[in-house]
N, C-alpha and C. Protein backbone atom coordinates (compact mmCIF):
# COMPACT_ATOMS: atom_id res chain seq x y z
N MET A 1 95.70 111.77 18.25
CA MET A 1 96.09 111.84 19.64
C MET A 1 96.83 110.56 20.00
N SER A 2 97.98 110.69 20.56
CA SER A 2 98.76 109.54 20.97
C SER A 2 98.63 109.37 22.47
N LEU A 3 98.37 108.15 22.89
CA LEU A 3 98.25 107.87 24.31
C LEU A 3 99.39 106.98 24.79
N ARG A 4 100.49 107.02 24.10
CA ARG A 4 101.65 106.21 24.48
C ARG A 4 102.08 106.60 25.88
N LYS A 5 102.24 105.61 26.71
CA LYS A 5 102.54 105.86 28.11
C LYS A 5 104.00 105.57 28.42
N ASP A 6 104.54 106.34 29.33
CA ASP A 6 105.87 106.07 29.86
C ASP A 6 105.67 105.53 31.26
N LYS A 7 105.51 104.22 31.39
CA LYS A 7 105.21 103.62 32.68
C LYS A 7 106.38 103.68 33.66
N GLU A 8 107.57 103.94 33.15
CA GLU A 8 108.73 104.02 34.04
C GLU A 8 108.51 105.05 35.15
N LYS A 9 107.84 106.13 34.84
CA LYS A 9 107.68 107.20 35.82
C LYS A 9 106.71 106.84 36.94
N VAL A 10 105.87 105.82 36.76
CA VAL A 10 104.91 105.48 37.80
C VAL A 10 105.23 104.18 38.53
N LEU A 11 106.24 103.47 38.12
CA LEU A 11 106.52 102.17 38.71
C LEU A 11 106.85 102.22 40.19
N GLY A 12 107.49 103.27 40.66
CA GLY A 12 107.85 103.35 42.05
C GLY A 12 106.82 104.06 42.91
N GLU A 13 105.80 104.62 42.31
CA GLU A 13 104.80 105.39 43.04
C GLU A 13 103.79 104.46 43.71
N ILE A 14 103.39 104.81 44.94
CA ILE A 14 102.39 104.04 45.68
C ILE A 14 101.00 104.48 45.23
N PHE A 15 100.21 103.54 44.79
CA PHE A 15 98.85 103.83 44.35
C PHE A 15 97.85 103.12 45.25
N ASP A 16 97.56 103.73 46.41
CA ASP A 16 96.49 103.19 47.24
C ASP A 16 95.17 103.79 46.75
N ASP A 17 94.06 103.37 47.34
CA ASP A 17 92.76 103.84 46.87
C ASP A 17 92.63 105.36 46.96
N ALA A 18 93.19 105.95 48.00
CA ALA A 18 93.11 107.41 48.14
C ALA A 18 93.86 108.11 47.01
N ARG A 19 95.02 107.61 46.66
CA ARG A 19 95.80 108.20 45.56
C ARG A 19 95.07 108.01 44.23
N ILE A 20 94.53 106.83 44.03
CA ILE A 20 93.80 106.56 42.79
C ILE A 20 92.60 107.48 42.67
N ALA A 21 91.90 107.73 43.77
CA ALA A 21 90.72 108.60 43.76
C ALA A 21 91.06 110.03 43.36
N THR A 22 92.30 110.45 43.57
CA THR A 22 92.66 111.83 43.19
C THR A 22 92.56 112.04 41.69
N PHE A 23 92.60 110.96 40.92
CA PHE A 23 92.47 111.08 39.47
C PHE A 23 91.06 111.48 39.05
N LEU A 24 90.11 111.43 39.97
CA LEU A 24 88.75 111.89 39.68
C LEU A 24 88.64 113.41 39.76
N GLU A 25 89.69 114.06 40.19
CA GLU A 25 89.65 115.50 40.45
C GLU A 25 90.29 116.35 39.36
N TYR A 26 90.84 115.75 38.33
CA TYR A 26 91.52 116.53 37.30
C TYR A 26 90.51 117.27 36.41
N PRO A 27 90.62 118.59 36.34
CA PRO A 27 89.70 119.34 35.47
C PRO A 27 90.08 119.15 34.00
N ALA A 28 89.07 119.08 33.17
CA ALA A 28 89.29 118.91 31.73
C ALA A 28 89.56 120.26 31.08
N PRO A 29 90.38 120.27 30.05
CA PRO A 29 90.58 121.50 29.28
C PRO A 29 89.25 121.90 28.62
N THR A 30 89.13 123.14 28.30
CA THR A 30 87.94 123.64 27.63
C THR A 30 87.67 122.85 26.35
N GLY A 31 86.43 122.43 26.19
CA GLY A 31 86.03 121.72 24.98
C GLY A 31 86.27 120.22 25.01
N VAL A 32 86.83 119.70 26.11
CA VAL A 32 87.11 118.27 26.22
C VAL A 32 86.09 117.66 27.19
N ASN A 33 85.49 116.55 26.81
CA ASN A 33 84.55 115.85 27.67
C ASN A 33 85.25 115.51 28.99
N ALA A 34 84.68 115.96 30.09
CA ALA A 34 85.33 115.81 31.40
C ALA A 34 85.54 114.34 31.77
N ASP A 35 84.57 113.48 31.50
CA ASP A 35 84.71 112.07 31.87
C ASP A 35 85.73 111.36 30.98
N PHE A 36 85.74 111.66 29.71
CA PHE A 36 86.74 111.09 28.80
C PHE A 36 88.14 111.52 29.27
N HIS A 37 88.26 112.79 29.64
CA HIS A 37 89.55 113.32 30.11
C HIS A 37 90.04 112.56 31.34
N LEU A 38 89.14 112.27 32.28
CA LEU A 38 89.54 111.54 33.49
C LEU A 38 90.03 110.14 33.15
N LEU A 39 89.33 109.46 32.26
CA LEU A 39 89.75 108.12 31.84
C LEU A 39 91.12 108.16 31.18
N GLU A 40 91.31 109.14 30.31
CA GLU A 40 92.60 109.29 29.63
C GLU A 40 93.72 109.58 30.61
N LYS A 41 93.47 110.47 31.55
CA LYS A 41 94.48 110.85 32.54
C LYS A 41 94.88 109.62 33.38
N ALA A 42 93.89 108.85 33.81
CA ALA A 42 94.18 107.65 34.61
C ALA A 42 94.93 106.62 33.78
N TYR A 43 94.52 106.44 32.54
CA TYR A 43 95.18 105.48 31.65
C TYR A 43 96.65 105.83 31.47
N ARG A 44 96.92 107.08 31.28
CA ARG A 44 98.31 107.51 31.08
C ARG A 44 99.15 107.41 32.35
N GLY A 45 98.52 107.50 33.50
CA GLY A 45 99.28 107.60 34.74
C GLY A 45 99.27 106.38 35.63
N MET A 46 98.60 105.30 35.21
CA MET A 46 98.47 104.13 36.09
C MET A 46 98.80 102.83 35.37
N ARG A 47 99.20 101.87 36.17
CA ARG A 47 99.30 100.50 35.68
C ARG A 47 97.88 99.93 35.58
N GLY A 48 97.74 98.84 34.87
CA GLY A 48 96.43 98.23 34.66
C GLY A 48 95.69 97.89 35.94
N GLU A 49 96.40 97.33 36.91
CA GLU A 49 95.73 96.94 38.16
C GLU A 49 95.17 98.15 38.88
N ASN A 50 95.88 99.28 38.84
CA ASN A 50 95.39 100.51 39.46
C ASN A 50 94.26 101.12 38.64
N PHE A 51 94.37 101.00 37.33
CA PHE A 51 93.33 101.53 36.45
C PHE A 51 92.01 100.80 36.71
N SER A 52 92.06 99.52 36.98
CA SER A 52 90.86 98.74 37.29
C SER A 52 90.17 99.30 38.54
N THR A 53 90.94 99.63 39.55
CA THR A 53 90.39 100.25 40.76
C THR A 53 89.80 101.61 40.43
N PHE A 54 90.53 102.38 39.61
CA PHE A 54 90.05 103.70 39.21
C PHE A 54 88.70 103.60 38.51
N VAL A 55 88.56 102.65 37.59
CA VAL A 55 87.32 102.50 36.83
C VAL A 55 86.15 102.22 37.78
N LYS A 56 86.37 101.41 38.79
CA LYS A 56 85.31 101.14 39.78
C LYS A 56 84.93 102.42 40.52
N LEU A 57 85.92 103.20 40.93
CA LEU A 57 85.64 104.48 41.60
C LEU A 57 84.95 105.45 40.65
N PHE A 58 85.38 105.47 39.41
CA PHE A 58 84.85 106.34 38.37
C PHE A 58 83.35 106.07 38.17
N VAL A 59 83.00 104.81 37.98
CA VAL A 59 81.60 104.43 37.78
C VAL A 59 80.80 104.69 39.06
N GLY A 60 81.39 104.38 40.21
CA GLY A 60 80.73 104.62 41.50
C GLY A 60 80.43 106.09 41.74
N ALA A 61 81.22 106.96 41.13
CA ALA A 61 81.01 108.41 41.27
C ALA A 61 79.99 108.93 40.26
N GLY A 62 79.39 108.01 39.48
CA GLY A 62 78.37 108.42 38.52
C GLY A 62 78.91 108.98 37.22
N LYS A 63 80.17 108.71 36.94
CA LYS A 63 80.81 109.18 35.70
C LYS A 63 80.39 108.29 34.52
N ASP A 64 80.52 108.83 33.32
CA ASP A 64 80.10 108.15 32.09
C ASP A 64 81.24 107.33 31.50
N ILE A 65 81.17 106.01 31.64
CA ILE A 65 82.21 105.11 31.13
C ILE A 65 82.23 105.11 29.60
N ASN A 66 81.16 105.59 28.97
CA ASN A 66 81.09 105.64 27.51
C ASN A 66 81.19 107.06 26.98
N ALA A 67 81.81 107.94 27.76
CA ALA A 67 82.04 109.31 27.29
C ALA A 67 82.90 109.26 26.04
N THR A 68 82.71 110.22 25.16
CA THR A 68 83.47 110.23 23.90
C THR A 68 84.47 111.37 23.85
N GLY A 69 85.53 111.12 23.09
CA GLY A 69 86.56 112.13 22.87
C GLY A 69 86.19 112.99 21.68
N ALA A 70 87.09 113.86 21.31
CA ALA A 70 86.87 114.79 20.20
C ALA A 70 86.61 114.06 18.89
N ASP A 71 87.14 112.84 18.75
CA ASP A 71 86.95 112.07 17.52
C ASP A 71 85.65 111.26 17.52
N GLY A 72 84.86 111.38 18.59
CA GLY A 72 83.59 110.67 18.68
C GLY A 72 83.70 109.24 19.18
N LYS A 73 84.90 108.79 19.50
CA LYS A 73 85.10 107.43 19.99
C LYS A 73 85.04 107.39 21.51
N THR A 74 84.54 106.26 22.03
CA THR A 74 84.59 106.06 23.47
C THR A 74 86.03 105.76 23.85
N PHE A 75 86.32 105.80 25.13
CA PHE A 75 87.69 105.50 25.55
C PHE A 75 88.04 104.05 25.26
N LEU A 76 87.08 103.15 25.40
CA LEU A 76 87.31 101.75 25.06
C LEU A 76 87.73 101.61 23.59
N GLN A 77 87.03 102.29 22.71
CA GLN A 77 87.37 102.23 21.29
C GLN A 77 88.77 102.78 21.04
N THR A 78 89.15 103.80 21.77
CA THR A 78 90.48 104.39 21.63
C THR A 78 91.56 103.42 22.09
N VAL A 79 91.36 102.80 23.24
CA VAL A 79 92.35 101.89 23.82
C VAL A 79 92.50 100.61 22.98
N LYS A 80 91.45 100.20 22.31
CA LYS A 80 91.52 98.99 21.47
C LYS A 80 92.62 99.08 20.42
N ALA A 81 92.97 100.28 20.03
CA ALA A 81 94.01 100.48 19.01
C ALA A 81 95.42 100.40 19.58
N HIS A 82 95.56 100.24 20.89
CA HIS A 82 96.87 100.24 21.53
C HIS A 82 97.37 98.82 21.77
N ARG A 83 98.61 98.61 21.43
CA ARG A 83 99.23 97.28 21.57
C ARG A 83 99.17 96.72 22.97
N ASN A 84 99.44 97.53 23.95
CA ASN A 84 99.55 97.05 25.33
C ASN A 84 98.35 97.43 26.19
N GLY A 85 97.20 97.53 25.58
CA GLY A 85 96.03 98.00 26.30
C GLY A 85 95.11 96.93 26.85
N GLU A 86 95.49 95.65 26.75
CA GLU A 86 94.58 94.57 27.12
C GLU A 86 94.06 94.65 28.55
N GLU A 87 94.94 94.88 29.50
CA GLU A 87 94.51 94.94 30.90
C GLU A 87 93.54 96.10 31.12
N TYR A 88 93.76 97.19 30.42
CA TYR A 88 92.88 98.36 30.50
C TYR A 88 91.54 98.08 29.84
N LEU A 89 91.58 97.38 28.71
CA LEU A 89 90.35 96.99 28.02
C LEU A 89 89.47 96.13 28.92
N ILE A 90 90.07 95.19 29.59
CA ILE A 90 89.32 94.31 30.49
C ILE A 90 88.63 95.12 31.58
N ALA A 91 89.35 96.07 32.17
CA ALA A 91 88.77 96.91 33.22
C ALA A 91 87.60 97.72 32.68
N LEU A 92 87.76 98.29 31.49
CA LEU A 92 86.70 99.09 30.89
C LEU A 92 85.48 98.23 30.55
N GLN A 93 85.72 97.07 29.94
CA GLN A 93 84.62 96.19 29.56
C GLN A 93 83.88 95.66 30.79
N SER A 94 84.61 95.37 31.85
CA SER A 94 84.00 94.89 33.09
C SER A 94 83.06 95.93 33.69
N ALA A 95 83.31 97.19 33.39
CA ALA A 95 82.48 98.28 33.90
C ALA A 95 81.34 98.64 32.95
N GLY A 96 81.24 97.90 31.84
CA GLY A 96 80.16 98.14 30.89
C GLY A 96 80.49 99.07 29.74
N ALA A 97 81.77 99.36 29.54
CA ALA A 97 82.16 100.24 28.43
C ALA A 97 81.87 99.56 27.10
N LYS A 98 81.51 100.39 26.13
CA LYS A 98 81.21 99.88 24.78
C LYS A 98 82.07 100.57 23.75
């Protein structure tokens, strides 16, 4: 699974808290862990600063920051393999991701 992001498409979009919270509403495809899917969706669609806000909302909503994907890895483990994932890693680790 490739999580390469095209940040150009989100650079002009306004991400206030209400917009960021809408990322908690995306339904997961059948067979995909719902919480992992939400983290992935936010990661692909947000800059790091917005992702940090999302992670706080995500945890506040009682979601599992250590949810695993189909490969058995947590989202933190998945992002660690990405060159430009540092800001996202910090947000995940700050929320207790392992």
